[in-house]
C-alpha atoms as a PDB file:
ATOM      1  CA  UNK A   1     135.199  70.194  83.390  1.00  0.00           C
ATOM      2  CA  UNK A   2     133.031  73.194  84.273  1.00  0.00           C
ATOM      3  CA  UNK A   3     132.512  74.072  80.730  1.00  0.00           C
ATOM      4  CA  UNK A   4     131.253  70.575  80.123  1.00  0.00           C
ATOM      5  CA  UNK A   5     128.912  70.700  83.259  1.00  0.00           C
ATOM      6  CA  UNK A   6     127.511  74.240  82.212  1.00  0.00           C
ATOM      7  CA  UNK A   7     126.923  72.918  78.630  1.00  0.00           C
ATOM      8  CA  UNK A   8     124.814  69.997  80.125  1.00  0.00           C
ATOM      9  CA  UNK A   9     123.052  71.149  82.722  1.00  0.00           C
ATOM     10  CA  UNK A  10     122.522  74.792  82.078  1.00  0.00           C
ATOM     11  CA  UNK A  11     121.411  74.023  78.604  1.00  0.00           C
ATOM     12  CA  UNK A  12     118.110  76.221  78.293  1.00  0.00           C
ATOM     13  CA  UNK A  13     116.134  73.499  79.236  1.00  0.00           C
ATOM     14  CA  UNK A  14     116.664  72.753  82.733  1.00  0.00           C
ATOM     15  CA  UNK A  15     117.043  75.951  84.130  1.00  0.00           C
ATOM     16  CA  UNK A  16     115.346  79.031  82.669  1.00  0.00           C
ATOM     17  CA  UNK A  17     117.723  81.910  83.759  1.00  0.00           C
ATOM     18  CA  UNK A  18     121.655  80.861  83.371  1.00  0.00           C
ATOM     19  CA  UNK A  19     121.902  81.622  79.873  1.00  0.00           C
ATOM     20  CA  UNK A  20     121.118  85.250  80.589  1.00  0.00           C
ATOM     21  CA  UNK A  21     123.919  85.584  83.143  1.00  0.00           C
ATOM     22  CA  UNK A  22     126.385  83.828  80.535  1.00  0.00           C
ATOM     23  CA  UNK A  23     125.614  85.735  77.758  1.00  0.00           C
ATOM     24  CA  UNK A  24     127.542  89.033  76.804  1.00  0.00           C
ATOM     25  CA  UNK A  25     126.627  92.497  77.834  1.00  0.00           C
ATOM     26  CA  UNK A  26     123.700  94.002  75.627  1.00  0.00           C
ATOM     27  CA  UNK A  27     122.901  96.858  73.801  1.00  0.00           C
ATOM     28  CA  UNK A  28     119.269  96.912  73.973  1.00  0.00           C
ATOM     29  CA  UNK A  29     117.094  94.890  76.396  1.00  0.00           C
ATOM     30  CA  UNK A  30     113.421  93.879  77.143  1.00  0.00           C
ATOM     31  CA  UNK A  31     113.031  93.471  81.086  1.00  0.00           C
ATOM     32  CA  UNK A  32     109.922  92.522  83.154  1.00  0.00           C
ATOM     33  CA  UNK A  33     108.288  89.594  84.446  1.00  0.00           C
ATOM     34  CA  UNK A  34     107.328  86.232  82.851  1.00  0.00           C
ATOM     35  CA  UNK A  35     104.792  87.746  80.941  1.00  0.00           C
ATOM     36  CA  UNK A  36     107.524  89.623  78.917  1.00  0.00           C
ATOM     37  CA  UNK A  37     110.155  86.777  79.337  1.00  0.00           C
ATOM     38  CA  UNK A  38     107.460  84.269  77.467  1.00  0.00           C
ATOM     39  CA  UNK A  39     105.596  87.010  75.356  1.00  0.00           C
ATOM     40  CA  UNK A  40     108.054  89.134  73.640  1.00  0.00           C
ATOM     41  CA  UNK A  41     110.396  87.445  71.148  1.00  0.00           C
ATOM     42  CA  UNK A  42     113.398  89.556  70.183  1.00  0.00           C
ATOM     43  CA  UNK A  43     113.919  87.756  66.953  1.00  0.00           C
ATOM     44  CA  UNK A  44     110.832  89.903  65.395  1.00  0.00           C
ATOM     45  CA  UNK A  45     112.487  93.305  66.611  1.00  0.00           C
ATOM     46  CA  UNK A  46     116.014  92.361  65.327  1.00  0.00           C
ATOM     47  CA  UNK A  47     114.754  91.770  61.913  1.00  0.00           C
ATOM     48  CA  UNK A  48     112.974  95.092  61.580  1.00  0.00           C
ATOM     49  CA  UNK A  49     114.336  97.720  63.810  1.00  0.00           C
ATOM     50  CA  UNK A  50     118.108  98.013  62.602  1.00  0.00           C
ATOM     51  CA  UNK A  51     117.951 101.599  63.281  1.00  0.00           C
ATOM     52  CA  UNK A  52     118.911 100.857  66.860  1.00  0.00           C
ATOM     53  CA  UNK A  53     122.097  99.605  68.632  1.00  0.00           C
ATOM     54  CA  UNK A  54     121.076  95.954  68.981  1.00  0.00           C
ATOM     55  CA  UNK A  55     120.537  93.167  69.046  1.00  0.00           C
ATOM     56  CA  UNK A  56     117.492  93.379  71.417  1.00  0.00           C
ATOM     57  CA  UNK A  57     117.843  90.989  74.176  1.00  0.00           C
ATOM     58  CA  UNK A  58     115.122  89.542  76.576  1.00  0.00           C
ATOM     59  CA  UNK A  59     116.364  89.932  80.190  1.00  0.00           C
ATOM     60  CA  UNK A  60     113.030  89.611  81.999  1.00  0.00           C
ATOM     61  CA  UNK A  61     112.223  87.076  84.670  1.00  0.00           C
ATOM     62  CA  UNK A  62     109.402  86.486  86.889  1.00  0.00           C
ATOM     63  CA  UNK A  63     106.810  88.720  88.812  1.00  0.00           C
ATOM     64  CA  UNK A  64     108.366  87.388  92.124  1.00  0.00           C
ATOM     65  CA  UNK A  65     112.037  87.845  91.262  1.00  0.00           C
ATOM     66  CA  UNK A  66     111.988  90.673  88.848  1.00  0.00           C
ATOM     67  CA  UNK A  67     109.837  93.665  90.497  1.00  0.00           C
ATOM     68  CA  UNK A  68     111.070  96.941  90.027  1.00  0.00           C
ATOM     69  CA  UNK A  69     113.531  98.070  92.639  1.00  0.00           C
ATOM     70  CA  UNK A  70     117.128  98.711  93.272  1.00  0.00           C
ATOM     71  CA  UNK A  71     118.079  94.924  92.778  1.00  0.00           C
ATOM     72  CA  UNK A  72     116.719  94.537  89.373  1.00  0.00           C
ATOM     73  CA  UNK A  73     117.585  98.016  88.546  1.00  0.00           C
ATOM     74  CA  UNK A  74     121.488  97.296  89.264  1.00  0.00           C
ATOM     75  CA  UNK A  75     121.324  93.892  87.548  1.00  0.00           C
ATOM     76  CA  UNK A  76     120.095  95.727  84.512  1.00  0.00           C
ATOM     77  CA  UNK A  77     122.740  98.164  84.333  1.00  0.00           C
ATOM     78  CA  UNK A  78     125.291  95.715  84.899  1.00  0.00           C
ATOM     79  CA  UNK A  79     123.987  93.754  81.819  1.00  0.00           C
ATOM     80  CA  UNK A  80     124.429  96.788  79.468  1.00  0.00           C
ATOM     81  CA  UNK A  81     127.131  98.094  77.649  1.00  0.00           C
ATOM     82  CA  UNK A  82     128.448 101.214  79.065  1.00  0.00           C
ATOM     83  CA  UNK A  83     128.812 103.137  75.798  1.00  0.00           C
ATOM     84  CA  UNK A  84     125.476 102.855  74.056  1.00  0.00           C
ATOM     85  CA  UNK A  85     123.577 105.981  72.876  1.00  0.00           C
ATOM     86  CA  UNK A  86     120.935 104.715  70.697  1.00  0.00           C
ATOM     87  CA  UNK A  87     119.460 101.489  72.273  1.00  0.00           C
ATOM     88  CA  UNK A  88     115.878 100.286  72.604  1.00  0.00           C
ATOM     89  CA  UNK A  89     114.371  99.422  76.039  1.00  0.00           C
ATOM     90  CA  UNK A  90     111.124  97.569  76.458  1.00  0.00           C
ATOM     91  CA  UNK A  91     110.020  97.814  80.329  1.00  0.00           C
ATOM     92  CA  UNK A  92     107.186  95.580  80.600  1.00  0.00           C
ATOM     93  CA  UNK A  93     104.881  96.725  83.532  1.00  0.00           C
ATOM     94  CA  UNK A  94     101.971  95.390  85.533  1.00  0.00           C
ATOM     95  CA  UNK A  95     100.615  96.185  88.882  1.00  0.00           C
ATOM     96  CA  UNK A  96     102.209  93.189  90.357  1.00  0.00           C
ATOM     97  CA  UNK A  97     105.646  94.365  89.142  1.00  0.00           C
ATOM     98  CA  UNK A  98     105.160  97.485  91.314  1.00  0.00           C
ATOM     99  CA  UNK A  99     103.360  96.117  94.124  1.00  0.00           C
ATOM    100  CA  UNK A 100     104.276  95.286  97.659  1.00  0.00           C
ATOM    101  CA  UNK A 101     102.480  92.942 100.336  1.00  0.00           C
ATOM    102  CA  UNK A 102     100.645  94.972 102.914  1.00  0.00           C
ATOM    103  CA  UNK A 103     100.611  91.670 105.191  1.00  0.00           C
ATOM    104  CA  UNK A 104     104.135  90.708 104.897  1.00  0.00           C
ATOM    105  CA  UNK A 105     105.581  94.086 104.510  1.00  0.00           C
ATOM    106  CA  UNK A 106     103.194  96.681 105.789  1.00  0.00           C
ATOM    107  CA  UNK A 107     105.446  99.667 105.581  1.00  0.00           C
ATOM    108  CA  UNK A 108     106.697  99.006 102.352  1.00  0.00           C
ATOM    109  CA  UNK A 109     110.367  98.476 103.779  1.00  0.00           C
ATOM    110  CA  UNK A 110     112.511  98.033 100.856  1.00  0.00           C
ATOM    111  CA  UNK A 111     115.152  96.102 103.088  1.00  0.00           C
ATOM    112  CA  UNK A 112     112.651  93.448 103.249  1.00  0.00           C
ATOM    113  CA  UNK A 113     112.198  93.073  99.869  1.00  0.00           C
ATOM    114  CA  UNK A 114     112.314  89.317  98.732  1.00  0.00           C
ATOM    115  CA  UNK A 115     114.361  89.742  95.605  1.00  0.00           C
ATOM    116  CA  UNK A 116     117.189  90.652  97.724  1.00  0.00           C
ATOM    117  CA  UNK A 117     117.880  87.228  98.706  1.00  0.00           C
ATOM    118  CA  UNK A 118     117.329  85.508  95.317  1.00  0.00           C
ATOM    119  CA  UNK A 119     119.844  85.149  92.404  1.00  0.00           C
ATOM    120  CA  UNK A 120     119.418  88.611  91.000  1.00  0.00           C
ATOM    121  CA  UNK A 121     120.268  89.928  94.506  1.00  0.00           C
ATOM    122  CA  UNK A 122     123.203  87.802  94.833  1.00  0.00           C
ATOM    123  CA  UNK A 123     124.750  87.648  91.235  1.00  0.00           C
ATOM    124  CA  UNK A 124     126.968  90.516  90.439  1.00  0.00           C
ATOM    125  CA  UNK A 125     128.567  89.030  87.364  1.00  0.00           C
ATOM    126  CA  UNK A 126     125.865  89.138  84.560  1.00  0.00           C
ATOM    127  CA  UNK A 127     128.122  88.202  81.614  1.00  0.00           C
ATOM    128  CA  UNK A 128     130.466  85.510  82.275  1.00  0.00           C
ATOM    129  CA  UNK A 129     130.898  82.105  80.871  1.00  0.00           C
ATOM    130  CA  UNK A 130     130.881  79.750  82.518  1.00  0.00           C
ATOM    131  CA  UNK A 131     129.209  81.798  85.478  1.00  0.00           C
ATOM    132  CA  UNK A 132     130.392  80.062  88.539  1.00  0.00           C
ATOM    133  CA  UNK A 133     128.914  82.890  90.819  1.00  0.00           C
ATOM    134  CA  UNK A 134     125.403  81.904  89.349  1.00  0.00           C
ATOM    135  CA  UNK A 135     125.897  78.382  89.980  1.00  0.00           C
ATOM    136  CA  UNK A 136     126.801  78.770  93.374  1.00  0.00           C
ATOM    137  CA  UNK A 137     123.793  80.919  93.940  1.00  0.00           C
ATOM    138  CA  UNK A 138     121.555  78.421  92.614  1.00  0.00           C
ATOM    139  CA  UNK A 139     122.024  75.043  94.210  1.00  0.00           C
ATOM    140  CA  UNK A 140     118.836  73.338  93.395  1.00  0.00           C
ATOM    141  CA  UNK A 141     119.519  72.445  90.031  1.00  0.00           C
ATOM    142  CA  UNK A 142     118.869  68.853  90.563  1.00  0.00           C
ATOM    143  CA  UNK A 143     115.320  69.570  92.034  1.00  0.00           C
ATOM    144  CA  UNK A 144     114.974  72.026  88.769  1.00  0.00           C
ATOM    145  CA  UNK A 145     115.721  69.020  86.555  1.00  0.00           C
ATOM    146  CA  UNK A 146     113.200  66.782  88.197  1.00  0.00           C
ATOM    147  CA  UNK A 147     110.362  69.365  87.740  1.00  0.00           C
ATOM    148  CA  UNK A 148     111.409  69.872  84.224  1.00  0.00           C
ATOM    149  CA  UNK A 149     111.257  66.094  83.565  1.00  0.00           C
ATOM    150  CA  UNK A 150     107.840  65.753  85.315  1.00  0.00           C
ATOM    151  CA  UNK A 151     106.408  69.010  83.195  1.00  0.00           C
ATOM    152  CA  UNK A 152     107.654  67.149  79.979  1.00  0.00           C
ATOM    153  CA  UNK A 153     106.450  63.782  80.614  1.00  0.00           C
ATOM    154  CA  UNK A 154     103.175  64.154  82.752  1.00  0.00           C
ATOM    155  CA  UNK A 155     101.935  67.415  81.044  1.00  0.00           C
ATOM    156  CA  UNK A 156     103.734  67.484  77.727  1.00  0.00           C
ATOM    157  CA  UNK A 157     104.980  70.926  78.848  1.00  0.00           C
ATOM    158  CA  UNK A 158     108.539  72.321  78.670  1.00  0.00           C
ATOM    159  CA  UNK A 159     110.487  75.443  78.643  1.00  0.00           C
ATOM    160  CA  UNK A 160     113.426  76.525  76.419  1.00  0.00           C
ATOM    161  CA  UNK A 161     115.596  79.468  77.146  1.00  0.00           C
ATOM    162  CA  UNK A 162     116.731  80.666  73.701  1.00  0.00           C
ATOM    163  CA  UNK A 163     120.096  82.436  73.007  1.00  0.00           C
ATOM    164  CA  UNK A 164     118.512  85.674  72.615  1.00  0.00           C
ATOM    165  CA  UNK A 165     116.981  85.262  76.201  1.00  0.00           C
ATOM    166  CA  UNK A 166     113.448  84.487  74.868  1.00  0.00           C
ATOM    167  CA  UNK A 167     111.963  82.033  77.473  1.00  0.00           C
ATOM    168  CA  UNK A 168     109.820  79.525  74.755  1.00  0.00           C
ATOM    169  CA  UNK A 169     106.874  77.699  76.264  1.00  0.00           C
ATOM    170  CA  UNK A 170     106.533  74.315  74.543  1.00  0.00           C
ATOM    171  CA  UNK A 171     103.054  72.711  75.251  1.00  0.00           C
ATOM    172  CA  UNK A 172     100.859  70.212  73.571  1.00  0.00           C
ATOM    173  CA  UNK A 173      97.632  71.064  71.973  1.00  0.00           C
ATOM    174  CA  UNK A 174      95.602  72.914  74.625  1.00  0.00           C
ATOM    175  CA  UNK A 175      91.717  72.303  74.553  1.00  0.00           C
ATOM    176  CA  UNK A 176      89.476  75.384  75.038  1.00  0.00           C
ATOM    177  CA  UNK A 177      88.565  73.553  78.277  1.00  0.00           C
ATOM    178  CA  UNK A 178      92.119  73.256  79.611  1.00  0.00           C
ATOM    179  CA  UNK A 179      92.877  76.967  78.657  1.00  0.00           C
ATOM    180  CA  UNK A 180      89.615  78.095  80.547  1.00  0.00           C
ATOM    181  CA  UNK A 181      90.539  75.948  83.654  1.00  0.00           C
ATOM    182  CA  UNK A 182      93.981  77.487  83.844  1.00  0.00           C
ATOM    183  CA  UNK A 183      92.558  80.841  83.376  1.00  0.00           C
ATOM    184  CA  UNK A 184      90.139  80.479  86.086  1.00  0.00           C
ATOM    185  CA  UNK A 185      92.835  79.286  88.323  1.00  0.00           C
ATOM    186  CA  UNK A 186      95.026  82.409  87.644  1.00  0.00           C
ATOM    187  CA  UNK A 187      92.157  84.627  88.213  1.00  0.00           C
ATOM    188  CA  UNK A 188      91.264  83.270  91.696  1.00  0.00           C
ATOM    189  CA  UNK A 189      94.891  83.371  92.766  1.00  0.00           C
ATOM    190  CA  UNK A 190      95.521  87.121  91.655  1.00  0.00           C
ATOM    191  CA  UNK A 191      92.157  88.067  92.857  1.00  0.00           C
ATOM    192  CA  UNK A 192      93.108  86.737  96.339  1.00  0.00           C
ATOM    193  CA  UNK A 193      96.529  88.606  96.250  1.00  0.00           C
ATOM    194  CA  UNK A 194      94.980  91.624  95.136  1.00  0.00           C
ATOM    195  CA  UNK A 195      93.531  91.935  98.673  1.00  0.00           C
ATOM    196  CA  UNK A 196      96.524  92.228 100.154  1.00  0.00           C
ATOM    197  CA  UNK A 197      98.688  94.057  97.549  1.00  0.00           C
ATOM    198  CA  UNK A 198      99.048  97.885  96.834  1.00  0.00           C
ATOM    199  CA  UNK A 199     101.118 100.017  94.448  1.00  0.00           C
ATOM    200  CA  UNK A 200     104.647 100.764  95.982  1.00  0.00           C
ATOM    201  CA  UNK A 201     105.687 104.330  95.843  1.00  0.00           C
ATOM    202  CA  UNK A 202     109.254 102.983  96.367  1.00  0.00           C
ATOM    203  CA  UNK A 203     108.966 100.312  93.389  1.00  0.00           C
ATOM    204  CA  UNK A 204     107.391 103.387  91.269  1.00  0.00           C
ATOM    205  CA  UNK A 205     110.152 105.511  92.034  1.00  0.00           C
ATOM    206  CA  UNK A 206     112.617 102.713  91.081  1.00  0.00           C
ATOM    207  CA  UNK A 207     110.729 102.361  87.741  1.00  0.00           C
ATOM    208  CA  UNK A 208     111.021 106.034  86.977  1.00  0.00           C
ATOM    209  CA  UNK A 209     114.603 106.074  87.903  1.00  0.00           C
ATOM    210  CA  UNK A 210     115.519 103.260  85.794  1.00  0.00           C
ATOM    211  CA  UNK A 211     113.237 104.824  82.888  1.00  0.00           C
ATOM    212  CA  UNK A 212     115.313 108.077  83.387  1.00  0.00           C
ATOM    213  CA  UNK A 213     118.888 106.084  83.188  1.00  0.00           C
ATOM    214  CA  UNK A 214     117.820 104.239  79.738  1.00  0.00           C
ATOM    215  CA  UNK A 215     116.421 107.238  78.152  1.00  0.00           C
ATOM    216  CA  UNK A 216     120.127 108.492  78.134  1.00  0.00           C
ATOM    217  CA  UNK A 217     120.982 105.597  76.327  1.00  0.00           C
ATOM    218  CA  UNK A 218     118.066 105.334  73.870  1.00  0.00           C
ATOM    219  CA  UNK A 219     114.397 105.028  73.458  1.00  0.00           C
ATOM    220  CA  UNK A 220     112.023 103.727  76.236  1.00  0.00           C
ATOM    221  CA  UNK A 221     108.945 101.832  76.072  1.00  0.00           C
ATOM    222  CA  UNK A 222     106.456 100.803  78.834  1.00  0.00           C
ATOM    223  CA  UNK A 223     104.568  97.963  77.758  1.00  0.00           C
ATOM    224  CA  UNK A 224     101.631  96.306  79.603  1.00  0.00           C
ATOM    225  CA  UNK A 225     101.116  92.777  77.877  1.00  0.00           C
ATOM    226  CA  UNK A 226      97.911  91.104  76.821  1.00  0.00           C
ATOM    227  CA  UNK A 227      95.758  89.571  79.380  1.00  0.00           C
ATOM    228  CA  UNK A 228      92.616  87.597  79.310  1.00  0.00           C
ATOM    229  CA  UNK A 229      89.734  89.936  79.565  1.00  0.00           C
ATOM    230  CA  UNK A 230      88.576  88.578  83.054  1.00  0.00           C
ATOM    231  CA  UNK A 231      92.345  89.155  84.505  1.00  0.00           C
ATOM    232  CA  UNK A 232      92.524  92.447  82.963  1.00  0.00           C
ATOM    233  CA  UNK A 233      89.436  93.588  84.256  1.00  0.00           C
ATOM    234  CA  UNK A 234      90.388  92.569  87.841  1.00  0.00           C
ATOM    235  CA  UNK A 235      93.359  94.183  87.803  1.00  0.00           C
ATOM    236  CA  UNK A 236      92.183  97.206  86.625  1.00  0.00           C
ATOM    237  CA  UNK A 237      89.387  97.246  89.452  1.00  0.00           C
ATOM    238  CA  UNK A 238      91.930  96.255  92.193  1.00  0.00           C
ATOM    239  CA  UNK A 239      94.715  98.914  90.896  1.00  0.00           C
ATOM    240  CA  UNK A 240      92.576 101.738  89.448  1.00  0.00           C
ATOM    241  CA  UNK A 241      95.490 104.073  89.652  1.00  0.00           C
ATOM    242  CA  UNK A 242      97.865 101.732  87.588  1.00  0.00           C
ATOM    243  CA  UNK A 243      97.099 103.318  84.324  1.00  0.00           C
ATOM    244  CA  UNK A 244      97.367 107.034  85.395  1.00  0.00           C
ATOM    245  CA  UNK A 245     100.869 106.388  87.189  1.00  0.00           C
ATOM    246  CA  UNK A 246     102.208 104.702  83.779  1.00  0.00           C
ATOM    247  CA  UNK A 247     101.053 107.376  81.541  1.00  0.00           C
ATOM    248  CA  UNK A 248     102.347 110.112  83.888  1.00  0.00           C
ATOM    249  CA  UNK A 249     106.175 108.921  83.818  1.00  0.00           C
ATOM    250  CA  UNK A 250     108.132 111.448  81.891  1.00  0.00           C
ATOM    251  CA  UNK A 251     110.723 110.546  78.879  1.00  0.00           C
ATOM    252  CA  UNK A 252     109.055 107.392  77.880  1.00  0.00           C
ATOM    253  CA  UNK A 253     105.926 105.920  75.597  1.00  0.00           C
ATOM    254  CA  UNK A 254     103.316 103.851  77.254  1.00  0.00           C
ATOM    255  CA  UNK A 255     101.969 100.994  75.155  1.00  0.00           C
ATOM    256  CA  UNK A 256      99.018  99.026  76.264  1.00  0.00           C
ATOM    257  CA  UNK A 257      98.746  96.006  73.908  1.00  0.00           C
ATOM    258  CA  UNK A 258      95.076  95.134  75.536  1.00  0.00           C
ATOM    259  CA  UNK A 259      94.004  98.245  73.377  1.00  0.00           C
ATOM    260  CA  UNK A 260      95.171  96.260  70.180  1.00  0.00           C
ATOM    261  CA  UNK A 261      92.574  95.120  67.577  1.00  0.00           C
ATOM    262  CA  UNK A 262      94.628  91.754  67.514  1.00  0.00           C
ATOM    263  CA  UNK A 263      93.187  88.462  68.715  1.00  0.00           C
ATOM    264  CA  UNK A 264      95.605  87.384  71.241  1.00  0.00           C
ATOM    265  CA  UNK A 265      95.515  83.806  72.638  1.00  0.00           C
ATOM    266  CA  UNK A 266      96.743  82.498  75.835  1.00  0.00           C
ATOM    267  CA  UNK A 267      97.831  79.522  77.672  1.00  0.00           C
ATOM    268  CA  UNK A 268      96.399  80.685  81.062  1.00  0.00           C
ATOM    269  CA  UNK A 269      94.724  84.143  80.617  1.00  0.00           C
ATOM    270  CA  UNK A 270      98.115  85.413  82.108  1.00  0.00           C
ATOM    271  CA  UNK A 271     100.709  84.421  79.425  1.00  0.00           C
ATOM    272  CA  UNK A 272     100.454  84.586  75.731  1.00  0.00           C
ATOM    273  CA  UNK A 273     100.710  81.513  73.828  1.00  0.00           C
ATOM    274  CA  UNK A 274     103.320  80.925  70.806  1.00  0.00           C
ATOM    275  CA  UNK A 275     100.507  82.497  68.444  1.00  0.00           C
ATOM    276  CA  UNK A 276     100.007  85.236  70.837  1.00  0.00           C
ATOM    277  CA  UNK A 277     103.642  85.755  71.169  1.00  0.00           C
ATOM    278  CA  UNK A 278     103.961  86.374  67.505  1.00  0.00           C
ATOM    279  CA  UNK A 279     101.247  88.917  67.384  1.00  0.00           C
ATOM    280  CA  UNK A 280     102.459  90.575  70.697  1.00  0.00           C
ATOM    281  CA  UNK A 281     105.919  91.047  69.207  1.00  0.00           C
ATOM    282  CA  UNK A 282     104.669  92.031  65.715  1.00  0.00           C
ATOM    283  CA  UNK A 283     102.373  94.586  67.121  1.00  0.00           C
ATOM    284  CA  UNK A 284     105.225  95.949  69.230  1.00  0.00           C
ATOM    285  CA  UNK A 285     107.510  96.243  66.340  1.00  0.00           C
ATOM    286  CA  UNK A 286     104.743  98.190  64.482  1.00  0.00           C
ATOM    287  CA  UNK A 287     104.018 100.729  67.333  1.00  0.00           C
ATOM    288  CA  UNK A 288     107.810 101.490  67.791  1.00  0.00           C
ATOM    289  CA  UNK A 289     108.396 101.786  64.140  1.00  0.00           C
ATOM    290  CA  UNK A 290     105.527 104.150  63.721  1.00  0.00           C
ATOM    291  CA  UNK A 291     106.579 106.389  66.664  1.00  0.00           C
ATOM    292  CA  UNK A 292     109.968 107.040  65.348  1.00  0.00           C
END
């Protein structure tokens, strides 16, 4: 009965996370926010990077749920096989995944980080099928189903969590006007948030600790995903020390896809669309192959 419910409800269309907690432990991972969850498809890597222990799996979530810190670090470690020595680890980074809210948490108190109380903080078993612990932690599945139904039939938009962890955004034909409006909306929201957010030394330390841990299991790459130029410029102004922080981390390579010559396209300026995902994934494969 439980297996039947899991197969019907947690099928990848209603819940964007469950499959990541019911899949087996992995050798190689993509981690980060929704920019990576939607924007990096492991399929492109698994076809080319056979020199690493794979397959590569996407274990990225959202900006609010999976900021770098002890909660996410521990979940990542639990998702990994213990005996890996030649894996590949793509850590998607942005100022937001390393930031704290100076109004809600002015002292950057790690005990007040919001992810402590979400599914990443509650679920210890990251590789159980069915995963009862996850099901118990996420009680709002009916609400998620309603949201998924509304997005699909009102906005012609849906998501599919694939077996390799990639969150595929399925949208109808987006007009240039719609893309521009969505980008302006994102830019406005991020600009407002930037006034109350700063890079956290605690989260930076967590990122460095994670990178150091993973470097003992293989090759580590920090990746900044492509952004619409308006959002990128705003982030660079608001967090002008971000780039130097990333380049200063030891034992890792930093790749900024915004410096690529590829013509990325976006759904909202913040996430690449299907074509953008293809280009970003292919560009990363090229960078990694050339660096090894």
